[in-house]
Amino acid sequence: MRHSVKNLETYLRETLHAPIRLERWPDAATLPAYLTGQYDFFDGTVGDVHILFLQSAEEPVPSAAKKHERALQQNWTGPVAFVFERITPRTRQRMISEGLSFVVPGNQIYLPVLGVNLRERYNTRVRTTDRLRPSAQVLFLHVLANRSPASGTPSGLARRLGYTAMAMGQALNQLEDAKLVNVHKEGRERLFELAGEPADLWHQAQPLLASPISRRRYLVGVAPSARKGLAAAGLSALATYSALAEPTVPVVALDRVKAKSLLDVRGVQELPTADEAKLEVEVWSYKPGLLSEGAAVDRLSLYLSLRDDSDERVRSALDEMMRGVTW
């Protein structure tokens, strides 16, 4: 199976022209037997998007794959992609109609989270804008927060936001495809500006924007000194922007690398649920510090992380917070 994973890595890297490394997903051990018996689980980052790949030797049954994707939501909040050795045209169409991402090495990649639908057999590539990639979302929120028609080259934006020039170029392409920015050339440089008023574009972009949270971790044993400087997130951050009371368990946001470093600190333990946790860590798909405001994460990312919360108190606090945004 490791050989086939290497083939998958190579196929994605050469086809998408993006760096990728797949590793076995350690949390798979906590999943039900009907999932672990059918799939091998690998997590990896394609470009700047963190994806969980479910690899199976059997062709998928789309209805079952949809149920399996939903079953994983307790353990994984990011995008999921199924990997199969072969697929029939009928099954391919049903997978796409169900919105299920999949990869058939040497045949097709359907990853709407990356804006990619590539069939090698017909040599066609279709870009979609169902969701902005994390890099595109960061760029868009950065421009909105700075309240300026920011412009520059992809390499200049990359230095500012900590991405590669390639990632920024792709992000700019996606924002242009979504009609959120206007791009033009001056000589060899690509310059851009917002395609409208910031508040209007924020509302227009809502279907394209995703929660920055890729997963949650519940910890004990984190020393107060280790918490110093961590950006408040979730209800902890919302309490700083509104009259909402502080949660019993503090919530902070970290990117994947820093979250792993925190887990490696001696004495820190991860719990399966929040019941006895002393700290909740949101692992974000982009670095919270890129857009943070002081001790808390930025308002726009925070809104995206909580907008689906059904608690009326939370919704009221979000409205209060957003009234404080100056566009």
C-alpha atoms as a PDB file:
ATOM      1  CA  MET A   1       0.000   0.000   0.000  1.00  0.00           C
ATOM      2  CA  ARG A   2       2.911   2.364   0.724  1.00  0.00           C
ATOM      3  CA  HIS A   3       4.010   1.932  -2.894  1.00  0.00           C
ATOM      4  CA  SER A   4       0.578   3.026  -4.129  1.00  0.00           C
ATOM      5  CA  VAL A   5       0.654   6.022  -1.768  1.00  0.00           C
ATOM      6  CA  LYS A   6       3.959   7.101  -3.272  1.00  0.00           C
ATOM      7  CA  ASN A   7       2.361   6.777  -6.705  1.00  0.00           C
ATOM      8  CA  LEU A   8      -0.514   8.967  -5.525  1.00  0.00           C
ATOM      9  CA  GLU A   9       1.904  11.580  -4.163  1.00  0.00           C
ATOM     10  CA  THR A  10       3.803  11.627  -7.454  1.00  0.00           C
ATOM     11  CA  TYR A  11       0.633  11.794  -9.531  1.00  0.00           C
ATOM     12  CA  LEU A  12      -0.776  14.739  -7.565  1.00  0.00           C
ATOM     13  CA  ARG A  13       2.552  16.567  -7.534  1.00  0.00           C
ATOM     14  CA  GLU A  14       3.148  16.203 -11.260  1.00  0.00           C
ATOM     15  CA  THR A  15      -0.456  16.868 -12.285  1.00  0.00           C
ATOM     16  CA  LEU A  16      -1.209  19.823 -10.007  1.00  0.00           C
ATOM     17  CA  HIS A  17       2.347  21.190  -9.922  1.00  0.00           C
ATOM     18  CA  ALA A  18       2.076  21.558  -6.160  1.00  0.00           C
ATOM     19  CA  PRO A  19       4.157  20.151  -3.296  1.00  0.00           C
ATOM     20  CA  ILE A  20       2.543  17.283  -1.400  1.00  0.00           C
ATOM     21  CA  ARG A  21       3.454  14.704   1.216  1.00  0.00           C
ATOM     22  CA  LEU A  22       1.066  12.077   2.548  1.00  0.00           C
ATOM     23  CA  GLU A  23       1.354  10.553   6.008  1.00  0.00           C
ATOM     24  CA  ARG A  24      -0.727   7.909   7.730  1.00  0.00           C
ATOM     25  CA  TRP A  25      -3.478   9.576   9.754  1.00  0.00           C
ATOM     26  CA  PRO A  26      -2.958   8.545  13.399  1.00  0.00           C
ATOM     27  CA  ASP A  27      -6.569   9.278  14.400  1.00  0.00           C
ATOM     28  CA  ALA A  28      -7.773   6.477  12.116  1.00  0.00           C
ATOM     29  CA  ALA A  29      -7.266   4.116  15.060  1.00  0.00           C
ATOM     30  CA  THR A  30     -10.297   5.694  16.765  1.00  0.00           C
ATOM     31  CA  LEU A  31     -12.649   5.092  13.826  1.00  0.00           C
ATOM     32  CA  PRO A  32     -15.258   2.318  13.563  1.00  0.00           C
ATOM     33  CA  ALA A  33     -14.137  -0.993  12.087  1.00  0.00           C
ATOM     34  CA  TYR A  34     -16.376  -0.612   9.007  1.00  0.00           C
ATOM     35  CA  LEU A  35     -14.272   2.398   7.964  1.00  0.00           C
ATOM     36  CA  THR A  36     -10.812   1.087   8.845  1.00  0.00           C
ATOM     37  CA  GLY A  37     -11.671  -2.208   7.177  1.00  0.00           C
ATOM     38  CA  GLN A  38     -12.392  -0.498   3.867  1.00  0.00           C
ATOM     39  CA  TYR A  39      -9.935   2.398   3.727  1.00  0.00           C
ATOM     40  CA  ASP A  40      -6.370   3.365   4.471  1.00  0.00           C
ATOM     41  CA  PHE A  41      -6.272   6.957   5.741  1.00  0.00           C
ATOM     42  CA  PHE A  42      -3.597   9.479   4.790  1.00  0.00           C
ATOM     43  CA  ASP A  43      -3.458  13.172   5.557  1.00  0.00           C
ATOM     44  CA  GLY A  44      -1.505  15.635   3.532  1.00  0.00           C
ATOM     45  CA  THR A  45      -1.291  19.162   2.229  1.00  0.00           C
ATOM     46  CA  VAL A  46      -1.779  19.806  -1.478  1.00  0.00           C
ATOM     47  CA  GLY A  47      -0.332  23.251  -2.076  1.00  0.00           C
ATOM     48  CA  ASP A  48      -1.848  24.960   0.939  1.00  0.00           C
ATOM     49  CA  VAL A  49      -4.972  22.819   1.442  1.00  0.00           C
ATOM     50  CA  HIS A  50      -5.033  20.125   4.146  1.00  0.00           C
ATOM     51  CA  ILE A  51      -6.930  17.049   2.863  1.00  0.00           C
ATOM     52  CA  LEU A  52      -7.688  13.598   4.292  1.00  0.00           C
ATOM     53  CA  PHE A  53      -7.358  10.902   1.600  1.00  0.00           C
ATOM     54  CA  LEU A  54      -9.341   7.664   1.954  1.00  0.00           C
ATOM     55  CA  GLN A  55      -7.698   5.013  -0.179  1.00  0.00           C
ATOM     56  CA  SER A  56      -9.474   1.806  -1.195  1.00  0.00           C
ATOM     57  CA  ALA A  57      -8.875  -0.909  -3.760  1.00  0.00           C
ATOM     58  CA  GLU A  58     -12.620  -1.177  -4.401  1.00  0.00           C
ATOM     59  CA  GLU A  59     -14.627   1.083  -6.694  1.00  0.00           C
ATOM     60  CA  PRO A  60     -16.830   3.394  -4.591  1.00  0.00           C
ATOM     61  CA  VAL A  61     -20.549   3.158  -4.030  1.00  0.00           C
ATOM     62  CA  PRO A  62     -21.411   6.892  -4.016  1.00  0.00           C
ATOM     63  CA  SER A  63     -24.252   6.607  -1.482  1.00  0.00           C
ATOM     64  CA  ALA A  64     -21.995   4.686   0.913  1.00  0.00           C
ATOM     65  CA  ALA A  65     -19.099   7.104   0.323  1.00  0.00           C
ATOM     66  CA  LYS A  66     -21.380   9.995   1.262  1.00  0.00           C
ATOM     67  CA  LYS A  67     -22.278   8.276   4.539  1.00  0.00           C
ATOM     68  CA  HIS A  68     -18.619   7.570   5.246  1.00  0.00           C
ATOM     69  CA  GLU A  69     -17.736  11.221   4.648  1.00  0.00           C
ATOM     70  CA  ARG A  70     -20.430  12.296   7.135  1.00  0.00           C
ATOM     71  CA  ALA A  71     -19.247   9.719   9.687  1.00  0.00           C
ATOM     72  CA  LEU A  72     -15.771  11.273   9.624  1.00  0.00           C
ATOM     73  CA  GLN A  73     -17.038  14.717  10.615  1.00  0.00           C
ATOM     74  CA  GLN A  74     -16.682  13.846  14.304  1.00  0.00           C
ATOM     75  CA  ASN A  75     -12.948  13.308  13.808  1.00  0.00           C
ATOM     76  CA  TRP A  76     -12.047  15.471  10.807  1.00  0.00           C
ATOM     77  CA  THR A  77     -13.495  18.855   9.887  1.00  0.00           C
ATOM     78  CA  GLY A  78     -11.483  19.473   6.724  1.00  0.00           C
ATOM     79  CA  PRO A  79     -12.014  18.271   3.137  1.00  0.00           C
ATOM     80  CA  VAL A  80     -12.013  14.539   2.354  1.00  0.00           C
ATOM     81  CA  ALA A  81     -11.032  12.857  -0.924  1.00  0.00           C
ATOM     82  CA  PHE A  82     -11.570   9.232  -1.942  1.00  0.00           C
ATOM     83  CA  VAL A  83      -8.807   7.440  -3.854  1.00  0.00           C
ATOM     84  CA  PHE A  84      -9.567   4.459  -6.102  1.00  0.00           C
ATOM     85  CA  GLU A  85      -7.681   2.478  -8.703  1.00  0.00           C
ATOM     86  CA  ARG A  86     -10.502   2.602 -11.256  1.00  0.00           C
ATOM     87  CA  ILE A  87     -13.953   4.095 -11.681  1.00  0.00           C
ATOM     88  CA  THR A  88     -16.775   3.654 -14.218  1.00  0.00           C
ATOM     89  CA  PRO A  89     -18.250   6.671 -16.035  1.00  0.00           C
ATOM     90  CA  ARG A  90     -21.578   6.183 -14.236  1.00  0.00           C
ATOM     91  CA  THR A  91     -19.966   6.075 -10.794  1.00  0.00           C
ATOM     92  CA  ARG A  92     -17.790   9.075 -11.702  1.00  0.00           C
ATOM     93  CA  GLN A  93     -20.867  11.123 -12.573  1.00  0.00           C
ATOM     94  CA  ARG A  94     -22.662  10.087  -9.388  1.00  0.00           C
ATOM     95  CA  MET A  95     -19.630  10.980  -7.248  1.00  0.00           C
ATOM     96  CA  ILE A  96     -19.516  14.437  -8.827  1.00  0.00           C
ATOM     97  CA  SER A  97     -23.264  14.974  -8.428  1.00  0.00           C
ATOM     98  CA  GLU A  98     -22.932  14.068  -4.729  1.00  0.00           C
ATOM     99  CA  GLY A  99     -20.108  16.609  -4.354  1.00  0.00           C
ATOM    100  CA  LEU A 100     -17.620  13.875  -3.361  1.00  0.00           C
ATOM    101  CA  SER A 101     -13.964  14.614  -4.066  1.00  0.00           C
ATOM    102  CA  PHE A 102     -11.954  11.773  -5.548  1.00  0.00           C
ATOM    103  CA  VAL A 103      -8.708  10.852  -7.268  1.00  0.00           C
ATOM    104  CA  VAL A 104      -8.166   8.027  -9.733  1.00  0.00           C
ATOM    105  CA  PRO A 105      -4.396   8.131 -10.384  1.00  0.00           C
ATOM    106  CA  GLY A 106      -3.675   8.270 -14.088  1.00  0.00           C
ATOM    107  CA  ASN A 107      -7.303   8.974 -14.940  1.00  0.00           C
ATOM    108  CA  GLN A 108      -9.033  11.820 -13.107  1.00  0.00           C
ATOM    109  CA  ILE A 109      -8.793  14.288 -10.252  1.00  0.00           C
ATOM    110  CA  TYR A 110     -11.957  15.883  -8.898  1.00  0.00           C
ATOM    111  CA  LEU A 111     -11.012  18.200  -6.032  1.00  0.00           C
ATOM    112  CA  PRO A 112     -13.455  21.137  -5.966  1.00  0.00           C
ATOM    113  CA  VAL A 113     -11.760  22.488  -2.825  1.00  0.00           C
ATOM    114  CA  LEU A 114      -8.778  23.176  -5.114  1.00  0.00           C
ATOM    115  CA  GLY A 115     -10.932  24.259  -8.021  1.00  0.00           C
ATOM    116  CA  VAL A 116      -9.785  21.246 -10.056  1.00  0.00           C
ATOM    117  CA  ASN A 117     -11.679  18.843 -12.303  1.00  0.00           C
ATOM    118  CA  LEU A 118      -9.136  17.189 -14.561  1.00  0.00           C
ATOM    119  CA  ARG A 119      -9.768  14.208 -16.825  1.00  0.00           C
ATOM    120  CA  GLU A 120      -6.578  13.097 -18.463  1.00  0.00           C
ATOM    121  CA  ARG A 121      -8.455  10.935 -20.939  1.00  0.00           C
ATOM    122  CA  TYR A 122      -9.981  14.011 -22.545  1.00  0.00           C
ATOM    123  CA  ASN A 123      -7.206  16.409 -21.521  1.00  0.00           C
ATOM    124  CA  THR A 124      -9.698  18.943 -20.178  1.00  0.00           C
ATOM    125  CA  ARG A 125      -9.411  21.065 -17.103  1.00  0.00           C
ATOM    126  CA  VAL A 126     -12.367  22.871 -15.537  1.00  0.00           C
ATOM    127  CA  ARG A 127     -11.849  25.427 -12.802  1.00  0.00           C
ATOM    128  CA  THR A 128     -14.577  25.763 -10.203  1.00  0.00           C
ATOM    129  CA  THR A 129     -15.136  28.322  -7.487  1.00  0.00           C
ATOM    130  CA  ASP A 130     -17.312  26.334  -5.104  1.00  0.00           C
ATOM    131  CA  ARG A 131     -14.944  27.251  -2.261  1.00  0.00           C
ATOM    132  CA  LEU A 132     -11.926  29.496  -2.019  1.00  0.00           C
ATOM    133  CA  ARG A 133      -8.650  27.827  -1.184  1.00  0.00           C
ATOM    134  CA  PRO A 134      -7.169  28.855   2.194  1.00  0.00           C
ATOM    135  CA  SER A 135      -4.552  31.028   0.470  1.00  0.00           C
ATOM    136  CA  ALA A 136      -7.247  32.775  -1.601  1.00  0.00           C
ATOM    137  CA  GLN A 137      -9.398  33.268   1.499  1.00  0.00           C
ATOM    138  CA  VAL A 138      -6.467  34.748   3.434  1.00  0.00           C
ATOM    139  CA  LEU A 139      -5.681  37.098   0.562  1.00  0.00           C
ATOM    140  CA  PHE A 140      -9.308  38.191   0.264  1.00  0.00           C
ATOM    141  CA  LEU A 141      -9.709  38.771   4.014  1.00  0.00           C
ATOM    142  CA  HIS A 142      -6.365  40.577   4.128  1.00  0.00           C
ATOM    143  CA  VAL A 143      -7.513  43.028   1.462  1.00  0.00           C
ATOM    144  CA  LEU A 144     -10.878  43.558   3.158  1.00  0.00           C
ATOM    145  CA  ALA A 145      -9.254  44.126   6.557  1.00  0.00           C
ATOM    146  CA  ASN A 146      -6.771  46.632   5.164  1.00  0.00           C
ATOM    147  CA  ARG A 147      -9.569  48.615   3.528  1.00  0.00           C
ATOM    148  CA  SER A 148      -7.438  49.403   0.514  1.00  0.00           C
ATOM    149  CA  PRO A 149      -7.293  48.388  -3.140  1.00  0.00           C
ATOM    150  CA  ALA A 150      -4.169  46.375  -2.366  1.00  0.00           C
ATOM    151  CA  SER A 151      -2.014  45.649  -5.364  1.00  0.00           C
ATOM    152  CA  GLY A 152       1.247  43.964  -6.155  1.00  0.00           C
ATOM    153  CA  THR A 153       2.795  40.925  -7.708  1.00  0.00           C
ATOM    154  CA  PRO A 154       2.158  37.368  -6.500  1.00  0.00           C
ATOM    155  CA  SER A 155       5.733  37.264  -5.201  1.00  0.00           C
ATOM    156  CA  GLY A 156       5.181  40.450  -3.191  1.00  0.00           C
ATOM    157  CA  LEU A 157       1.960  39.076  -1.725  1.00  0.00           C
ATOM    158  CA  ALA A 158       3.720  35.806  -0.964  1.00  0.00           C
ATOM    159  CA  ARG A 159       6.348  37.591   1.124  1.00  0.00           C
ATOM    160  CA  ARG A 160       3.668  39.534   2.966  1.00  0.00           C
ATOM    161  CA  LEU A 161       1.444  36.551   3.751  1.00  0.00           C
ATOM    162  CA  GLY A 162       3.985  33.751   4.003  1.00  0.00           C
ATOM    163  CA  TYR A 163       2.969  31.726   0.947  1.00  0.00           C
ATOM    164  CA  THR A 164       4.860  30.697  -2.165  1.00  0.00           C
ATOM    165  CA  ALA A 165       4.580  32.856  -5.257  1.00  0.00           C
ATOM    166  CA  MET A 166       2.837  29.949  -6.981  1.00  0.00           C
ATOM    167  CA  ALA A 167       0.211  29.706  -4.224  1.00  0.00           C
ATOM    168  CA  MET A 168      -0.436  33.454  -4.391  1.00  0.00           C
ATOM    169  CA  GLY A 169      -0.712  33.349  -8.166  1.00  0.00           C
ATOM    170  CA  GLN A 170      -3.300  30.578  -7.927  1.00  0.00           C
ATOM    171  CA  ALA A 171      -5.115  32.457  -5.149  1.00  0.00           C
ATOM    172  CA  LEU A 172      -5.307  35.568  -7.288  1.00  0.00           C
ATOM    173  CA  ASN A 173      -6.632  33.498 -10.206  1.00  0.00           C
ATOM    174  CA  GLN A 174      -9.389  32.078  -8.018  1.00  0.00           C
ATOM    175  CA  LEU A 175     -10.410  35.486  -6.674  1.00  0.00           C
ATOM    176  CA  GLU A 176     -10.559  36.786 -10.226  1.00  0.00           C
ATOM    177  CA  ASP A 177     -12.642  33.783 -11.352  1.00  0.00           C
ATOM    178  CA  ALA A 178     -15.040  34.483  -8.461  1.00  0.00           C
ATOM    179  CA  LYS A 179     -15.280  38.141  -9.588  1.00  0.00           C
ATOM    180  CA  LEU A 180     -14.050  39.381  -6.215  1.00  0.00           C
ATOM    181  CA  VAL A 181     -11.041  41.223  -7.633  1.00  0.00           C
ATOM    182  CA  ASN A 182     -10.115  42.823 -10.915  1.00  0.00           C
ATOM    183  CA  VAL A 183      -6.673  41.917 -12.246  1.00  0.00           C
ATOM    184  CA  HIS A 184      -4.706  43.768 -14.881  1.00  0.00           C
ATOM    185  CA  LYS A 185      -1.158  43.820 -16.145  1.00  0.00           C
ATOM    186  CA  GLU A 186       1.367  46.619 -16.149  1.00  0.00           C
ATOM    187  CA  GLY A 187       4.351  45.357 -18.066  1.00  0.00           C
ATOM    188  CA  ARG A 188       5.115  41.956 -16.574  1.00  0.00           C
ATOM    189  CA  GLU A 189       3.451  42.685 -13.256  1.00  0.00           C
ATOM    190  CA  ARG A 190      -0.051  41.581 -12.305  1.00  0.00           C
ATOM    191  CA  LEU A 191      -1.895  44.162 -10.227  1.00  0.00           C
ATOM    192  CA  PHE A 192      -5.311  43.797  -8.660  1.00  0.00           C
ATOM    193  CA  GLU A 193      -7.982  45.678  -6.760  1.00  0.00           C
ATOM    194  CA  LEU A 194     -11.289  44.793  -5.151  1.00  0.00           C
ATOM    195  CA  ALA A 195     -14.108  44.407  -7.665  1.00  0.00           C
ATOM    196  CA  GLY A 196     -16.568  46.427  -5.553  1.00  0.00           C
ATOM    197  CA  GLU A 197     -17.309  47.810  -2.118  1.00  0.00           C
ATOM    198  CA  PRO A 198     -15.786  45.683   0.689  1.00  0.00           C
ATOM    199  CA  ALA A 199     -19.073  45.144   2.566  1.00  0.00           C
ATOM    200  CA  ASP A 200     -20.864  44.089  -0.636  1.00  0.00           C
ATOM    201  CA  LEU A 201     -18.069  41.691  -1.592  1.00  0.00           C
ATOM    202  CA  TRP A 202     -18.027  40.174   1.905  1.00  0.00           C
ATOM    203  CA  HIS A 203     -21.708  39.256   1.558  1.00  0.00           C
ATOM    204  CA  GLN A 204     -21.253  38.129  -2.054  1.00  0.00           C
ATOM    205  CA  ALA A 205     -18.384  35.832  -1.071  1.00  0.00           C
ATOM    206  CA  GLN A 206     -20.150  34.058   1.820  1.00  0.00           C
ATOM    207  CA  PRO A 207     -20.919  30.843  -0.144  1.00  0.00           C
ATOM    208  CA  LEU A 208     -17.244  30.657  -1.170  1.00  0.00           C
ATOM    209  CA  LEU A 209     -15.755  31.194   2.286  1.00  0.00           C
ATOM    210  CA  ALA A 210     -15.097  28.328   4.697  1.00  0.00           C
ATOM    211  CA  SER A 211     -14.469  28.013   8.399  1.00  0.00           C
ATOM    212  CA  PRO A 212     -10.702  28.206   8.971  1.00  0.00           C
ATOM    213  CA  ILE A 213     -10.925  25.314  11.465  1.00  0.00           C
ATOM    214  CA  SER A 214      -9.578  22.033  10.095  1.00  0.00           C
ATOM    215  CA  ARG A 215      -9.927  20.188  13.426  1.00  0.00           C
ATOM    216  CA  ARG A 216     -10.252  20.675  17.176  1.00  0.00           C
ATOM    217  CA  ARG A 217      -8.007  19.302  19.909  1.00  0.00           C
ATOM    218  CA  TYR A 218      -8.870  19.099  23.599  1.00  0.00           C
ATOM    219  CA  LEU A 219      -5.859  19.324  25.900  1.00  0.00           C
ATOM    220  CA  VAL A 220      -4.798  19.101  29.522  1.00  0.00           C
ATOM    221  CA  GLY A 221      -1.412  19.841  31.028  1.00  0.00           C
ATOM    222  CA  VAL A 222      -0.681  23.031  29.088  1.00  0.00           C
ATOM    223  CA  ALA A 223       1.268  25.346  31.395  1.00  0.00           C
ATOM    224  CA  PRO A 224       0.156  28.994  31.640  1.00  0.00           C
ATOM    225  CA  SER A 225       3.527  30.045  30.201  1.00  0.00           C
ATOM    226  CA  ALA A 226       2.851  27.921  27.090  1.00  0.00           C
ATOM    227  CA  ARG A 227      -0.495  29.665  26.574  1.00  0.00           C
ATOM    228  CA  LYS A 228       1.073  33.093  26.610  1.00  0.00           C
ATOM    229  CA  GLY A 229       0.834  34.788  23.245  1.00  0.00           C
ATOM    230  CA  LEU A 230      -1.651  32.321  21.767  1.00  0.00           C
ATOM    231  CA  ALA A 231      -4.477  34.025  19.890  1.00  0.00           C
ATOM    232  CA  ALA A 232      -7.901  33.638  21.513  1.00  0.00           C
ATOM    233  CA  ALA A 233     -10.396  31.993  19.190  1.00  0.00           C
ATOM    234  CA  GLY A 234     -13.940  30.621  19.241  1.00  0.00           C
ATOM    235  CA  LEU A 235     -16.102  31.824  22.113  1.00  0.00           C
ATOM    236  CA  SER A 236     -13.028  33.190  23.925  1.00  0.00           C
ATOM    237  CA  ALA A 237     -12.386  35.598  21.047  1.00  0.00           C
ATOM    238  CA  LEU A 238     -16.070  36.390  20.640  1.00  0.00           C
ATOM    239  CA  ALA A 239     -16.166  37.390  24.309  1.00  0.00           C
ATOM    240  CA  THR A 240     -13.503  40.040  23.585  1.00  0.00           C
ATOM    241  CA  TYR A 241     -15.580  41.518  20.751  1.00  0.00           C
ATOM    242  CA  SER A 242     -18.998  41.392  22.431  1.00  0.00           C
ATOM    243  CA  ALA A 243     -20.837  41.118  25.732  1.00  0.00           C
ATOM    244  CA  LEU A 244     -20.777  37.315  25.578  1.00  0.00           C
ATOM    245  CA  ALA A 245     -19.444  35.669  28.740  1.00  0.00           C
ATOM    246  CA  GLU A 246     -16.075  33.912  28.651  1.00  0.00           C
ATOM    247  CA  PRO A 247     -16.341  30.134  28.098  1.00  0.00           C
ATOM    248  CA  THR A 248     -15.348  27.771  30.906  1.00  0.00           C
ATOM    249  CA  VAL A 249     -12.630  26.219  28.739  1.00  0.00           C
ATOM    250  CA  PRO A 250     -10.407  28.771  26.955  1.00  0.00           C
ATOM    251  CA  VAL A 251     -10.180  28.459  23.171  1.00  0.00           C
ATOM    252  CA  VAL A 252      -7.090  29.335  21.109  1.00  0.00           C
ATOM    253  CA  ALA A 253      -6.186  29.034  17.430  1.00  0.00           C
ATOM    254  CA  LEU A 254      -2.973  27.598  16.026  1.00  0.00           C
ATOM    255  CA  ASP A 255      -1.824  26.506  12.615  1.00  0.00           C
ATOM    256  CA  ARG A 256      -1.033  22.841  12.069  1.00  0.00           C
ATOM    257  CA  VAL A 257       2.715  23.133  12.741  1.00  0.00           C
ATOM    258  CA  LYS A 258       2.346  25.060  15.995  1.00  0.00           C
ATOM    259  CA  ALA A 259      -0.449  22.775  17.180  1.00  0.00           C
ATOM    260  CA  LYS A 260       1.825  19.776  16.687  1.00  0.00           C
ATOM    261  CA  SER A 261       4.621  21.546  18.586  1.00  0.00           C
ATOM    262  CA  LEU A 262       2.273  22.213  21.499  1.00  0.00           C
ATOM    263  CA  LEU A 263       1.278  18.548  21.590  1.00  0.00           C
ATOM    264  CA  ASP A 264       4.946  17.572  21.750  1.00  0.00           C
ATOM    265  CA  VAL A 265       5.500  19.596  24.945  1.00  0.00           C
ATOM    266  CA  ARG A 266       6.165  17.344  27.903  1.00  0.00           C
ATOM    267  CA  GLY A 267       3.118  16.881  30.123  1.00  0.00           C
ATOM    268  CA  VAL A 268       0.570  17.925  27.491  1.00  0.00           C
ATOM    269  CA  GLN A 269      -2.085  15.313  26.820  1.00  0.00           C
ATOM    270  CA  GLU A 270      -4.878  15.189  24.268  1.00  0.00           C
ATOM    271  CA  LEU A 271      -8.341  14.021  25.320  1.00  0.00           C
ATOM    272  CA  PRO A 272     -10.941  12.472  22.999  1.00  0.00           C
ATOM    273  CA  THR A 273     -13.705  14.902  24.071  1.00  0.00           C
ATOM    274  CA  ALA A 274     -14.037  18.351  25.605  1.00  0.00           C
ATOM    275  CA  ASP A 275     -15.560  17.075  28.875  1.00  0.00           C
ATOM    276  CA  GLU A 276     -12.413  17.284  31.033  1.00  0.00           C
ATOM    277  CA  ALA A 277     -10.277  19.515  28.828  1.00  0.00           C
ATOM    278  CA  LYS A 278      -8.523  22.594  30.182  1.00  0.00           C
ATOM    279  CA  LEU A 279      -7.770  24.089  26.773  1.00  0.00           C
ATOM    280  CA  GLU A 280      -9.464  23.807  23.386  1.00  0.00           C
ATOM    281  CA  VAL A 281      -7.201  24.257  20.377  1.00  0.00           C
ATOM    282  CA  GLU A 282      -8.626  25.077  16.968  1.00  0.00           C
ATOM    283  CA  VAL A 283      -6.219  23.929  14.276  1.00  0.00           C
ATOM    284  CA  TRP A 284      -6.595  26.390  11.409  1.00  0.00           C
ATOM    285  CA  SER A 285      -5.982  25.876   7.702  1.00  0.00           C
ATOM    286  CA  TYR A 286      -4.030  29.144   7.665  1.00  0.00           C
ATOM    287  CA  LYS A 287      -1.923  30.951  10.230  1.00  0.00           C
ATOM    288  CA  PRO A 288      -4.204  32.908  12.607  1.00  0.00           C
ATOM    289  CA  GLY A 289      -1.491  35.499  13.106  1.00  0.00           C
ATOM    290  CA  LEU A 290      -1.686  36.621   9.480  1.00  0.00           C
ATOM    291  CA  LEU A 291      -4.928  38.476  10.171  1.00  0.00           C
ATOM    292  CA  SER A 292      -5.172  38.603  13.970  1.00  0.00           C
ATOM    293  CA  GLU A 293      -6.119  41.723  15.874  1.00  0.00           C
ATOM    294  CA  GLY A 294      -4.162  41.920  19.106  1.00  0.00           C
ATOM    295  CA  ALA A 295      -4.815  39.038  21.479  1.00  0.00           C
ATOM    296  CA  ALA A 296      -7.694  37.558  19.468  1.00  0.00           C
ATOM    297  CA  VAL A 297      -8.134  36.198  15.960  1.00  0.00           C
ATOM    298  CA  ASP A 298      -9.552  38.578  13.357  1.00  0.00           C
ATOM    299  CA  ARG A 299     -13.264  39.307  13.268  1.00  0.00           C
ATOM    300  CA  LEU A 300     -13.915  38.022   9.758  1.00  0.00           C
ATOM    301  CA  SER A 301     -12.259  34.628  10.284  1.00  0.00           C
ATOM    302  CA  LEU A 302     -13.953  34.353  13.675  1.00  0.00           C
ATOM    303  CA  TYR A 303     -17.326  34.997  12.074  1.00  0.00           C
ATOM    304  CA  LEU A 304     -16.673  32.232   9.532  1.00  0.00           C
ATOM    305  CA  SER A 305     -15.704  29.815  12.302  1.00  0.00           C
ATOM    306  CA  LEU A 306     -18.946  30.421  14.243  1.00  0.00           C
ATOM    307  CA  ARG A 307     -21.546  31.392  11.638  1.00  0.00           C
ATOM    308  CA  ASP A 308     -23.190  27.947  11.694  1.00  0.00           C
ATOM    309  CA  ASP A 309     -23.619  27.929  15.485  1.00  0.00           C
ATOM    310  CA  SER A 310     -27.331  27.631  16.286  1.00  0.00           C
ATOM    311  CA  ASP A 311     -27.065  29.134  19.799  1.00  0.00           C
ATOM    312  CA  GLU A 312     -29.020  32.396  19.792  1.00  0.00           C
ATOM    313  CA  ARG A 313     -26.582  33.976  22.258  1.00  0.00           C
ATOM    314  CA  VAL A 314     -23.694  33.260  19.913  1.00  0.00           C
ATOM    315  CA  ARG A 315     -25.566  34.550  16.882  1.00  0.00           C
ATOM    316  CA  SER A 316     -26.483  37.732  18.744  1.00  0.00           C
ATOM    317  CA  ALA A 317     -22.845  38.217  19.801  1.00  0.00           C
ATOM    318  CA  LEU A 318     -21.698  37.695  16.205  1.00  0.00           C
ATOM    319  CA  ASP A 319     -24.109  40.385  15.030  1.00  0.00           C
ATOM    320  CA  GLU A 320     -22.771  42.706  17.720  1.00  0.00           C
ATOM    321  CA  MET A 321     -19.192  41.997  16.663  1.00  0.00           C
ATOM    322  CA  MET A 322     -19.856  42.543  12.974  1.00  0.00           C
ATOM    323  CA  ARG A 323     -21.516  45.888  13.654  1.00  0.00           C
ATOM    324  CA  GLY A 324     -18.086  46.988  14.861  1.00  0.00           C
ATOM    325  CA  VAL A 325     -16.400  46.171  11.545  1.00  0.00           C
ATOM    326  CA  THR A 326     -15.376  49.262   9.617  1.00  0.00           C
ATOM    327  CA  TRP A 327     -15.362  48.506   5.916  1.00  0.00           C
END
